[in-house]
């Protein structure tokens, strides 16, 4: 998957989970078909804020 594919993948996940794209993080696999993704659904105390 290229950068464009990853961007679209994040957009699809954001739409599905009804969160902003900044709440979707590709943790591992940016250059692979196999991915580990983190979806931040709500702010958790102690979790660093993004943006």
N, C-alpha and C. Protein backbone atom coordinates (compact mmCIF):
# COMPACT_ATOMS: atom_id res chain seq x y z
N UNK A 1 0.85 -1.18 0.00
CA UNK A 1 0.00 0.00 0.00
C UNK A 1 0.89 1.23 0.00
N UNK A 2 0.51 2.19 -0.77
CA UNK A 2 1.25 3.44 -0.79
C UNK A 2 0.65 4.45 0.16
N UNK A 3 1.23 5.64 0.16
CA UNK A 3 0.75 6.71 1.04
C UNK A 3 -0.70 7.07 0.77
N UNK A 4 -1.08 7.10 -0.51
CA UNK A 4 -2.47 7.42 -0.86
C UNK A 4 -3.43 6.37 -0.34
N UNK A 5 -3.02 5.10 -0.45
CA UNK A 5 -3.87 4.01 0.04
C UNK A 5 -4.03 4.08 1.55
N UNK A 6 -2.94 4.39 2.26
CA UNK A 6 -3.02 4.52 3.72
C UNK A 6 -3.94 5.67 4.10
N UNK A 7 -3.85 6.77 3.37
CA UNK A 7 -4.70 7.93 3.65
C UNK A 7 -6.17 7.55 3.48
N UNK A 8 -6.49 6.85 2.41
CA UNK A 8 -7.88 6.43 2.16
C UNK A 8 -8.34 5.44 3.23
N UNK A 9 -7.45 4.53 3.61
CA UNK A 9 -7.75 3.55 4.66
C UNK A 9 -8.12 4.27 5.96
N UNK A 10 -7.35 5.29 6.33
CA UNK A 10 -7.62 6.07 7.54
C UNK A 10 -8.96 6.80 7.40
N UNK A 11 -9.24 7.34 6.22
CA UNK A 11 -10.52 8.03 5.99
C UNK A 11 -11.70 7.08 6.18
N UNK A 12 -11.58 5.88 5.65
CA UNK A 12 -12.66 4.88 5.77
C UNK A 12 -12.88 4.51 7.24
N UNK A 13 -11.79 4.27 7.96
CA UNK A 13 -11.92 3.93 9.38
C UNK A 13 -12.53 5.08 10.17
N UNK A 14 -12.12 6.31 9.87
CA UNK A 14 -12.66 7.48 10.58
C UNK A 14 -14.16 7.60 10.33
N UNK A 15 -14.59 7.38 9.10
CA UNK A 15 -16.02 7.42 8.80
C UNK A 15 -16.76 6.32 9.55
N UNK A 16 -16.18 5.13 9.56
CA UNK A 16 -16.82 3.99 10.22
C UNK A 16 -16.99 4.22 11.72
N UNK A 17 -15.94 4.70 12.38
CA UNK A 17 -15.98 4.91 13.83
C UNK A 17 -16.50 6.29 14.22
N UNK A 18 -16.81 7.12 13.21
CA UNK A 18 -17.33 8.47 13.43
C UNK A 18 -16.40 9.29 14.33
N UNK A 19 -15.12 9.29 13.95
CA UNK A 19 -14.11 10.09 14.63
C UNK A 19 -13.32 10.86 13.57
N UNK A 20 -12.55 11.84 14.00
CA UNK A 20 -11.73 12.58 13.05
C UNK A 20 -10.55 11.71 12.62
N UNK A 21 -9.99 12.02 11.47
CA UNK A 21 -8.86 11.24 10.95
C UNK A 21 -7.67 11.27 11.91
N UNK A 22 -7.54 12.35 12.67
CA UNK A 22 -6.41 12.44 13.61
C UNK A 22 -6.53 11.44 14.75
N UNK A 23 -7.68 10.82 14.91
CA UNK A 23 -7.90 9.81 15.96
C UNK A 23 -7.56 8.40 15.50
N UNK A 24 -7.14 8.26 14.24
CA UNK A 24 -6.76 6.96 13.68
C UNK A 24 -5.24 6.97 13.49
N UNK A 25 -4.57 5.99 14.08
CA UNK A 25 -3.12 5.92 13.99
C UNK A 25 -2.72 4.55 13.44
N UNK A 26 -1.95 4.53 12.37
CA UNK A 26 -1.38 3.28 11.87
C UNK A 26 -0.12 3.04 12.70
N UNK A 27 -0.20 2.09 13.62
CA UNK A 27 0.89 1.81 14.56
C UNK A 27 2.00 1.04 13.86
N UNK A 28 1.62 0.08 13.05
CA UNK A 28 2.60 -0.74 12.34
C UNK A 28 2.01 -1.14 11.00
N UNK A 29 2.85 -1.15 9.97
CA UNK A 29 2.42 -1.64 8.67
C UNK A 29 2.13 -0.57 7.64
N UNK A 30 2.76 0.60 7.77
CA UNK A 30 2.49 1.65 6.78
C UNK A 30 2.93 1.25 5.37
N UNK A 31 3.86 0.31 5.27
CA UNK A 31 4.34 -0.13 3.96
C UNK A 31 3.94 -1.57 3.66
N UNK A 32 2.97 -2.09 4.40
CA UNK A 32 2.57 -3.48 4.27
C UNK A 32 1.05 -3.58 4.17
N UNK A 33 0.57 -4.70 3.66
CA UNK A 33 -0.88 -4.93 3.64
C UNK A 33 -1.41 -5.23 5.03
N UNK A 34 -0.56 -5.82 5.87
CA UNK A 34 -0.94 -6.15 7.25
C UNK A 34 -0.69 -4.93 8.12
N UNK A 35 -1.70 -4.51 8.86
CA UNK A 35 -1.59 -3.29 9.65
C UNK A 35 -2.08 -3.50 11.07
N UNK A 36 -1.49 -2.74 11.97
CA UNK A 36 -2.00 -2.61 13.33
C UNK A 36 -2.42 -1.16 13.46
N UNK A 37 -3.68 -0.96 13.83
CA UNK A 37 -4.25 0.39 13.85
C UNK A 37 -4.78 0.68 15.25
N UNK A 38 -4.56 1.92 15.70
CA UNK A 38 -5.12 2.38 16.97
C UNK A 38 -6.20 3.39 16.65
N UNK A 39 -7.38 3.20 17.26
CA UNK A 39 -8.49 4.14 17.11
C UNK A 39 -8.75 4.75 18.48
N UNK A 40 -8.58 6.05 18.59
CA UNK A 40 -8.81 6.74 19.86
C UNK A 40 -10.25 7.23 19.85
N UNK A 41 -11.09 6.57 20.65
CA UNK A 41 -12.51 6.89 20.67
C UNK A 41 -12.84 8.01 21.64
N UNK A 42 -12.09 8.12 22.72
CA UNK A 42 -12.32 9.20 23.68
C UNK A 42 -11.01 9.48 24.40
N UNK A 43 -10.92 10.63 25.01
CA UNK A 43 -9.70 10.99 25.73
C UNK A 43 -9.62 10.21 27.03
N UNK A 44 -8.49 9.57 27.26
CA UNK A 44 -8.25 8.83 28.47
C UNK A 44 -7.20 9.57 29.28
N UNK A 45 -7.42 9.79 30.58
CA UNK A 45 -6.41 10.47 31.39
C UNK A 45 -5.05 9.79 31.28
N UNK A 46 -4.02 10.58 31.10
CA UNK A 46 -2.68 10.03 30.96
C UNK A 46 -2.29 9.77 29.52
N UNK A 47 -3.26 9.77 28.61
CA UNK A 47 -2.98 9.55 27.20
C UNK A 47 -2.58 10.89 26.58
N UNK A 48 -1.48 10.93 25.85
CA UNK A 48 -1.09 12.20 25.23
C UNK A 48 -2.14 12.66 24.23
N UNK A 49 -2.41 13.95 24.21
CA UNK A 49 -3.38 14.48 23.25
C UNK A 49 -2.70 14.62 21.90
N UNK A 50 -3.48 14.48 20.85
CA UNK A 50 -2.97 14.60 19.48
C UNK A 50 -3.63 15.81 18.85
N UNK A 51 -2.84 16.86 18.67
CA UNK A 51 -3.35 18.03 17.97
C UNK A 51 -3.90 19.00 18.89
